[in-house]
Amino acid sequence: MTGQINIEDILLQHKMWLETAEGEGILGDGKWQILKAVDEEGSLTAACQKLGLTYRRTWGDLKKIEQQLGFPLLNKSRGGKEGGMSELSIQGKSLVEAFDKFHKQVDDKISLAFNEFRNSLLALR
């Protein structure tokens, strides 16, 4: 058995995702980060490189989300002199903003609940 830990050093880690009633994933922290990276980088290729993801799988994942939700996430243009680009569609930007807001609200509530839990642990010593 290892030594006793300092309760204040206990950290909470959590992930969030949305799924269908059948358990099929729709959107979670990973896809949200991809969409945010596309918005920042101006291209799906650059976003994939930044996050260390493969283009083909990421493209397929985003197309699946578009099919599930019924609206486009990206506006794409093919190569040419300047190369191709991808940007979030209006709906894609709105989805990212809504998930940002939702995530912050949930994170704040989870943080409060975790602090209460950690205080309960402290009281047990």
C-alpha atoms as a PDB file:
ATOM      1  CA  MET A   1       0.000   0.000   0.000  1.00  0.00           C
ATOM      2  CA  THR A   2       1.296   3.472  -0.842  1.00  0.00           C
ATOM      3  CA  GLY A   3       1.532   6.360   1.613  1.00  0.00           C
ATOM      4  CA  GLN A   4      -1.330   8.586   2.585  1.00  0.00           C
ATOM      5  CA  ILE A   5      -2.143  11.332   0.120  1.00  0.00           C
ATOM      6  CA  ASN A   6      -3.038  14.923   0.812  1.00  0.00           C
ATOM      7  CA  ILE A   7      -6.784  15.237   0.161  1.00  0.00           C
ATOM      8  CA  GLU A   8      -6.290  18.745  -1.253  1.00  0.00           C
ATOM      9  CA  ASP A   9      -4.131  17.110  -3.957  1.00  0.00           C
ATOM     10  CA  ILE A  10      -6.987  14.904  -5.194  1.00  0.00           C
ATOM     11  CA  LEU A  11      -8.129  16.090  -8.626  1.00  0.00           C
ATOM     12  CA  LEU A  12     -11.302  15.347 -10.517  1.00  0.00           C
ATOM     13  CA  GLN A  13     -11.184  14.402 -14.203  1.00  0.00           C
ATOM     14  CA  HIS A  14     -14.316  14.089 -16.300  1.00  0.00           C
ATOM     15  CA  LYS A  15     -15.413  13.935 -19.917  1.00  0.00           C
ATOM     16  CA  MET A  16     -18.747  14.818 -21.439  1.00  0.00           C
ATOM     17  CA  TRP A  17     -20.419  13.598 -24.571  1.00  0.00           C
ATOM     18  CA  LEU A  18     -23.835  13.479 -26.149  1.00  0.00           C
ATOM     19  CA  GLU A  19     -25.223  10.255 -27.531  1.00  0.00           C
ATOM     20  CA  THR A  20     -28.393   8.880 -29.048  1.00  0.00           C
ATOM     21  CA  ALA A  21     -30.895   6.828 -27.056  1.00  0.00           C
ATOM     22  CA  GLU A  22     -29.210   3.770 -28.631  1.00  0.00           C
ATOM     23  CA  GLY A  23     -25.823   4.776 -27.206  1.00  0.00           C
ATOM     24  CA  GLU A  24     -24.304   6.058 -30.450  1.00  0.00           C
ATOM     25  CA  GLY A  25     -21.957   8.978 -29.833  1.00  0.00           C
ATOM     26  CA  ILE A  26     -22.801  12.356 -31.350  1.00  0.00           C
ATOM     27  CA  LEU A  27     -20.603  15.082 -29.864  1.00  0.00           C
ATOM     28  CA  GLY A  28     -18.158  15.141 -27.004  1.00  0.00           C
ATOM     29  CA  ASP A  29     -15.028  16.844 -25.806  1.00  0.00           C
ATOM     30  CA  GLY A  30     -12.877  15.424 -28.616  1.00  0.00           C
ATOM     31  CA  LYS A  31     -15.104  16.452 -31.537  1.00  0.00           C
ATOM     32  CA  TRP A  32     -15.709  19.813 -29.847  1.00  0.00           C
ATOM     33  CA  GLN A  33     -11.937  20.373 -29.733  1.00  0.00           C
ATOM     34  CA  ILE A  34     -11.688  19.445 -33.423  1.00  0.00           C
ATOM     35  CA  LEU A  35     -14.349  21.985 -34.367  1.00  0.00           C
ATOM     36  CA  LYS A  36     -12.648  24.656 -32.272  1.00  0.00           C
ATOM     37  CA  ALA A  37      -9.296  23.860 -33.932  1.00  0.00           C
ATOM     38  CA  VAL A  38     -10.854  24.133 -37.412  1.00  0.00           C
ATOM     39  CA  ASP A  39     -12.188  27.547 -36.432  1.00  0.00           C
ATOM     40  CA  GLU A  40      -8.767  28.637 -35.147  1.00  0.00           C
ATOM     41  CA  GLU A  41      -6.651  27.112 -37.934  1.00  0.00           C
ATOM     42  CA  GLY A  42      -8.917  27.765 -40.924  1.00  0.00           C
ATOM     43  CA  SER A  43      -8.540  24.257 -42.278  1.00  0.00           C
ATOM     44  CA  LEU A  44      -9.413  20.722 -41.299  1.00  0.00           C
ATOM     45  CA  THR A  45      -5.956  19.546 -42.354  1.00  0.00           C
ATOM     46  CA  ALA A  46      -4.236  22.071 -40.071  1.00  0.00           C
ATOM     47  CA  ALA A  47      -6.640  21.243 -37.235  1.00  0.00           C
ATOM     48  CA  CYS A  48      -5.850  17.523 -37.582  1.00  0.00           C
ATOM     49  CA  GLN A  49      -2.117  18.234 -37.606  1.00  0.00           C
ATOM     50  CA  LYS A  50      -2.427  20.458 -34.537  1.00  0.00           C
ATOM     51  CA  LEU A  51      -4.327  17.766 -32.617  1.00  0.00           C
ATOM     52  CA  GLY A  52      -2.370  14.777 -33.970  1.00  0.00           C
ATOM     53  CA  LEU A  53      -5.396  13.234 -35.679  1.00  0.00           C
ATOM     54  CA  THR A  54      -5.807  11.576 -39.055  1.00  0.00           C
ATOM     55  CA  TYR A  55      -7.666  13.613 -41.659  1.00  0.00           C
ATOM     56  CA  ARG A  56      -9.684  10.694 -43.066  1.00  0.00           C
ATOM     57  CA  ARG A  57     -11.101   9.530 -39.722  1.00  0.00           C
ATOM     58  CA  THR A  58     -11.781  13.083 -38.545  1.00  0.00           C
ATOM     59  CA  TRP A  59     -13.550  13.959 -41.789  1.00  0.00           C
ATOM     60  CA  GLY A  60     -15.693  10.829 -41.436  1.00  0.00           C
ATOM     61  CA  ASP A  61     -16.512  11.662 -37.814  1.00  0.00           C
ATOM     62  CA  LEU A  62     -17.613  15.186 -38.741  1.00  0.00           C
ATOM     63  CA  LYS A  63     -19.724  13.941 -41.667  1.00  0.00           C
ATOM     64  CA  LYS A  64     -21.429  11.503 -39.283  1.00  0.00           C
ATOM     65  CA  ILE A  65     -22.264  14.327 -36.857  1.00  0.00           C
ATOM     66  CA  GLU A  66     -23.684  16.361 -39.756  1.00  0.00           C
ATOM     67  CA  GLN A  67     -25.914  13.427 -40.714  1.00  0.00           C
ATOM     68  CA  GLN A  68     -27.051  12.893 -37.123  1.00  0.00           C
ATOM     69  CA  LEU A  69     -27.829  16.552 -36.422  1.00  0.00           C
ATOM     70  CA  GLY A  70     -29.140  17.395 -39.894  1.00  0.00           C
ATOM     71  CA  PHE A  71     -27.003  20.449 -40.631  1.00  0.00           C
ATOM     72  CA  PRO A  72     -23.528  21.173 -42.021  1.00  0.00           C
ATOM     73  CA  LEU A  73     -20.653  21.828 -39.636  1.00  0.00           C
ATOM     74  CA  LEU A  74     -18.097  22.935 -42.231  1.00  0.00           C
ATOM     75  CA  ASN A  75     -17.909  25.015 -45.357  1.00  0.00           C
ATOM     76  CA  LYS A  76     -15.095  23.600 -47.517  1.00  0.00           C
ATOM     77  CA  SER A  77     -13.363  24.734 -50.645  1.00  0.00           C
ATOM     78  CA  ARG A  78     -10.950  22.563 -52.613  1.00  0.00           C
ATOM     79  CA  GLY A  79      -7.310  23.337 -53.340  1.00  0.00           C
ATOM     80  CA  GLY A  80      -6.147  25.737 -55.979  1.00  0.00           C
ATOM     81  CA  LYS A  81      -3.276  28.173 -55.806  1.00  0.00           C
ATOM     82  CA  GLU A  82      -3.756  28.970 -52.123  1.00  0.00           C
ATOM     83  CA  GLY A  83      -4.748  25.412 -51.142  1.00  0.00           C
ATOM     84  CA  GLY A  84      -8.074  24.305 -49.713  1.00  0.00           C
ATOM     85  CA  MET A  85      -9.730  25.654 -46.646  1.00  0.00           C
ATOM     86  CA  SER A  86     -12.393  24.713 -44.181  1.00  0.00           C
ATOM     87  CA  GLU A  87     -14.349  26.971 -41.937  1.00  0.00           C
ATOM     88  CA  LEU A  88     -17.164  26.345 -39.554  1.00  0.00           C
ATOM     89  CA  SER A  89     -20.597  26.880 -41.040  1.00  0.00           C
ATOM     90  CA  ILE A  90     -22.965  29.231 -39.231  1.00  0.00           C
ATOM     91  CA  GLN A  91     -24.532  26.168 -37.613  1.00  0.00           C
ATOM     92  CA  GLY A  92     -21.083  24.783 -36.751  1.00  0.00           C
ATOM     93  CA  LYS A  93     -20.103  28.035 -35.033  1.00  0.00           C
ATOM     94  CA  SER A  94     -23.400  28.099 -33.152  1.00  0.00           C
ATOM     95  CA  LEU A  95     -22.910  24.489 -32.057  1.00  0.00           C
ATOM     96  CA  VAL A  96     -19.407  25.229 -30.736  1.00  0.00           C
ATOM     97  CA  GLU A  97     -20.642  28.325 -28.887  1.00  0.00           C
ATOM     98  CA  ALA A  98     -23.568  26.399 -27.376  1.00  0.00           C
ATOM     99  CA  PHE A  99     -21.303  23.509 -26.311  1.00  0.00           C
ATOM    100  CA  ASP A 100     -18.791  26.017 -24.852  1.00  0.00           C
ATOM    101  CA  LYS A 101     -21.538  27.568 -22.744  1.00  0.00           C
ATOM    102  CA  PHE A 102     -23.008  24.192 -21.767  1.00  0.00           C
ATOM    103  CA  HIS A 103     -19.566  22.819 -20.853  1.00  0.00           C
ATOM    104  CA  LYS A 104     -18.752  25.822 -18.667  1.00  0.00           C
ATOM    105  CA  GLN A 105     -22.062  25.541 -16.804  1.00  0.00           C
ATOM    106  CA  VAL A 106     -21.569  21.821 -16.196  1.00  0.00           C
ATOM    107  CA  ASP A 107     -17.888  22.269 -15.262  1.00  0.00           C
ATOM    108  CA  ASP A 108     -18.792  24.953 -12.720  1.00  0.00           C
ATOM    109  CA  LYS A 109     -21.438  22.740 -11.110  1.00  0.00           C
ATOM    110  CA  ILE A 110     -19.188  19.692 -11.081  1.00  0.00           C
ATOM    111  CA  SER A 111     -16.398  21.757  -9.524  1.00  0.00           C
ATOM    112  CA  LEU A 112     -18.689  22.938  -6.728  1.00  0.00           C
ATOM    113  CA  ALA A 113     -19.948  19.411  -6.067  1.00  0.00           C
ATOM    114  CA  PHE A 114     -16.407  18.038  -6.095  1.00  0.00           C
ATOM    115  CA  ASN A 115     -15.229  20.647  -3.598  1.00  0.00           C
ATOM    116  CA  GLU A 116     -18.090  19.661  -1.285  1.00  0.00           C
ATOM    117  CA  PHE A 117     -17.117  16.014  -1.674  1.00  0.00           C
ATOM    118  CA  ARG A 118     -13.458  16.760  -0.957  1.00  0.00           C
ATOM    119  CA  ASN A 119     -14.495  18.704   2.161  1.00  0.00           C
ATOM    120  CA  SER A 120     -16.461  15.640   3.274  1.00  0.00           C
ATOM    121  CA  LEU A 121     -13.313  13.550   2.879  1.00  0.00           C
ATOM    122  CA  LEU A 122     -11.365  16.058   4.968  1.00  0.00           C
ATOM    123  CA  ALA A 123     -13.968  15.792   7.726  1.00  0.00           C
ATOM    124  CA  LEU A 124     -13.433  12.013   7.872  1.00  0.00           C
ATOM    125  CA  ARG A 125      -9.804  12.355   8.970  1.00  0.00           C
END
